[in-house]
Amino acid sequence: MKQDRLTHLENLIARNQCHFHEIGITLKEIRDSRLYKLILFETIEAYTKARWD
């Protein structure tokens, strides 16, 4: 049962790996350019928690 779950989760990661990388690059640009401040967030952490949590 746990092995099946692990296989399922690994397959999900494999299928979506390119999206994970793209999201990371995008969040890095938002952070580095401090674009989150445009919508009145003080930190990238507060922005990501409010927007994506």
N, C-alpha and C. Protein backbone atom coordinates (compact mmCIF):
# COMPACT_ATOMS: atom_id res chain seq x y z
N MET A 1 0.83 -1.20 0.00
CA MET A 1 0.00 0.00 0.00
C MET A 1 0.87 1.26 0.00
N LYS A 2 1.83 1.35 0.91
CA LYS A 2 2.69 2.54 0.96
C LYS A 2 3.57 2.63 -0.28
N GLN A 3 3.99 1.47 -0.80
CA GLN A 3 4.80 1.47 -2.02
C GLN A 3 3.99 2.01 -3.20
N ASP A 4 2.72 1.65 -3.27
CA ASP A 4 1.84 2.18 -4.33
C ASP A 4 1.70 3.69 -4.21
N ARG A 5 1.55 4.16 -3.00
CA ARG A 5 1.43 5.61 -2.77
C ARG A 5 2.71 6.33 -3.19
N LEU A 6 3.85 5.78 -2.82
CA LEU A 6 5.13 6.37 -3.20
C LEU A 6 5.27 6.41 -4.72
N THR A 7 4.94 5.34 -5.37
CA THR A 7 5.01 5.29 -6.83
C THR A 7 4.10 6.35 -7.45
N HIS A 8 2.91 6.47 -6.92
CA HIS A 8 1.95 7.48 -7.41
C HIS A 8 2.52 8.88 -7.25
N LEU A 9 3.06 9.19 -6.08
CA LEU A 9 3.61 10.51 -5.81
C LEU A 9 4.83 10.80 -6.68
N GLU A 10 5.69 9.83 -6.86
CA GLU A 10 6.84 10.01 -7.74
C GLU A 10 6.43 10.25 -9.18
N ASN A 11 5.39 9.58 -9.62
CA ASN A 11 4.88 9.80 -10.98
C ASN A 11 4.32 11.22 -11.13
N LEU A 12 3.63 11.70 -10.10
CA LEU A 12 3.14 13.08 -10.11
C LEU A 12 4.28 14.07 -10.24
N ILE A 13 5.33 13.85 -9.48
CA ILE A 13 6.51 14.72 -9.54
C ILE A 13 7.11 14.68 -10.94
N ALA A 14 7.28 13.50 -11.48
CA ALA A 14 7.88 13.35 -12.81
C ALA A 14 7.07 14.07 -13.88
N ARG A 15 5.75 13.95 -13.82
CA ARG A 15 4.88 14.58 -14.82
C ARG A 15 4.87 16.10 -14.71
N ASN A 16 5.12 16.62 -13.52
CA ASN A 16 5.00 18.07 -13.29
C ASN A 16 6.32 18.76 -13.01
N GLN A 17 7.41 18.08 -13.21
CA GLN A 17 8.73 18.62 -12.89
C GLN A 17 9.02 19.92 -13.63
N CYS A 18 8.64 20.00 -14.90
CA CYS A 18 8.91 21.23 -15.66
C CYS A 18 8.14 22.41 -15.08
N HIS A 19 6.93 22.17 -14.59
CA HIS A 19 6.14 23.24 -13.98
C HIS A 19 6.78 23.72 -12.68
N PHE A 20 7.31 22.79 -11.91
CA PHE A 20 7.96 23.12 -10.65
C PHE A 20 9.13 24.07 -10.90
N HIS A 21 9.93 23.75 -11.89
CA HIS A 21 11.08 24.58 -12.24
C HIS A 21 10.62 25.97 -12.70
N GLU A 22 9.61 26.01 -13.54
CA GLU A 22 9.09 27.28 -14.06
C GLU A 22 8.53 28.15 -12.93
N ILE A 23 7.83 27.54 -12.01
CA ILE A 23 7.28 28.27 -10.86
C ILE A 23 8.40 28.83 -10.00
N GLY A 24 9.44 28.05 -9.79
CA GLY A 24 10.58 28.51 -9.01
C GLY A 24 11.24 29.73 -9.62
N ILE A 25 11.44 29.69 -10.93
CA ILE A 25 12.04 30.83 -11.63
C ILE A 25 11.14 32.06 -11.52
N THR A 26 9.84 31.85 -11.66
CA THR A 26 8.89 32.95 -11.59
C THR A 26 8.86 33.58 -10.19
N LEU A 27 8.81 32.74 -9.16
CA LEU A 27 8.83 33.27 -7.79
C LEU A 27 10.13 33.99 -7.48
N LYS A 28 11.24 33.49 -8.03
CA LYS A 28 12.52 34.16 -7.83
C LYS A 28 12.50 35.56 -8.42
N GLU A 29 11.92 35.71 -9.60
CA GLU A 29 11.84 37.05 -10.21
C GLU A 29 10.95 37.97 -9.38
N ILE A 30 9.82 37.45 -8.91
CA ILE A 30 8.93 38.25 -8.06
C ILE A 30 9.68 38.69 -6.80
N ARG A 31 10.43 37.77 -6.21
CA ARG A 31 11.21 38.09 -5.01
C ARG A 31 12.33 39.07 -5.30
N ASP A 32 13.14 38.76 -6.29
CA ASP A 32 14.31 39.59 -6.57
C ASP A 32 13.93 41.01 -7.01
N SER A 33 12.83 41.13 -7.73
CA SER A 33 12.37 42.45 -8.19
C SER A 33 11.46 43.13 -7.18
N ARG A 34 11.18 42.42 -6.10
CA ARG A 34 10.28 42.92 -5.04
C ARG A 34 8.92 43.35 -5.58
N LEU A 35 8.44 42.59 -6.55
CA LEU A 35 7.15 42.91 -7.16
C LEU A 35 5.98 42.72 -6.20
N TYR A 36 6.15 41.88 -5.19
CA TYR A 36 5.11 41.66 -4.19
C TYR A 36 4.77 42.95 -3.44
N LYS A 37 5.68 43.89 -3.41
CA LYS A 37 5.44 45.16 -2.72
C LYS A 37 4.41 46.02 -3.48
N LEU A 38 4.26 45.76 -4.78
CA LEU A 38 3.27 46.50 -5.57
C LEU A 38 1.85 46.27 -5.06
N ILE A 39 1.65 45.10 -4.47
CA ILE A 39 0.31 44.80 -3.94
C ILE A 39 0.32 44.77 -2.41
N LEU A 40 1.21 45.60 -1.88
CA LEU A 40 1.24 45.95 -0.45
C LEU A 40 1.62 44.83 0.50
N PHE A 41 2.50 43.94 0.06
CA PHE A 41 3.06 42.94 0.97
C PHE A 41 4.46 43.38 1.34
N GLU A 42 4.81 43.23 2.60
CA GLU A 42 6.13 43.63 3.08
C GLU A 42 7.20 42.59 2.76
N THR A 43 6.82 41.32 2.73
CA THR A 43 7.81 40.26 2.51
C THR A 43 7.30 39.27 1.46
N ILE A 44 8.24 38.56 0.84
CA ILE A 44 7.87 37.51 -0.10
C ILE A 44 7.13 36.39 0.61
N GLU A 45 7.49 36.15 1.87
CA GLU A 45 6.81 35.11 2.64
C GLU A 45 5.34 35.44 2.85
N ALA A 46 5.06 36.69 3.21
CA ALA A 46 3.67 37.10 3.41
C ALA A 46 2.89 37.02 2.10
N TYR A 47 3.53 37.42 1.01
CA TYR A 47 2.90 37.35 -0.30
C TYR A 47 2.55 35.92 -0.68
N THR A 48 3.53 35.03 -0.59
CA THR A 48 3.27 33.65 -1.01
C THR A 48 2.25 32.97 -0.12
N LYS A 49 2.29 33.25 1.16
CA LYS A 49 1.31 32.65 2.07
C LYS A 49 -0.11 33.14 1.75
N ALA A 50 -0.26 34.43 1.56
CA ALA A 50 -1.59 34.98 1.29
C ALA A 50 -2.08 34.59 -0.11
N ARG A 51 -1.19 34.56 -1.05
CA ARG A 51 -1.59 34.34 -2.45
C ARG A 51 -1.72 32.86 -2.81
N TRP A 52 -0.85 32.02 -2.26
CA TRP A 52 -0.77 30.64 -2.73
C TRP A 52 -1.01 29.59 -1.68
N ASP A 53 -1.19 29.96 -0.42
CA ASP A 53 -1.39 28.96 0.63
C ASP A 53 -2.81 28.51 0.73
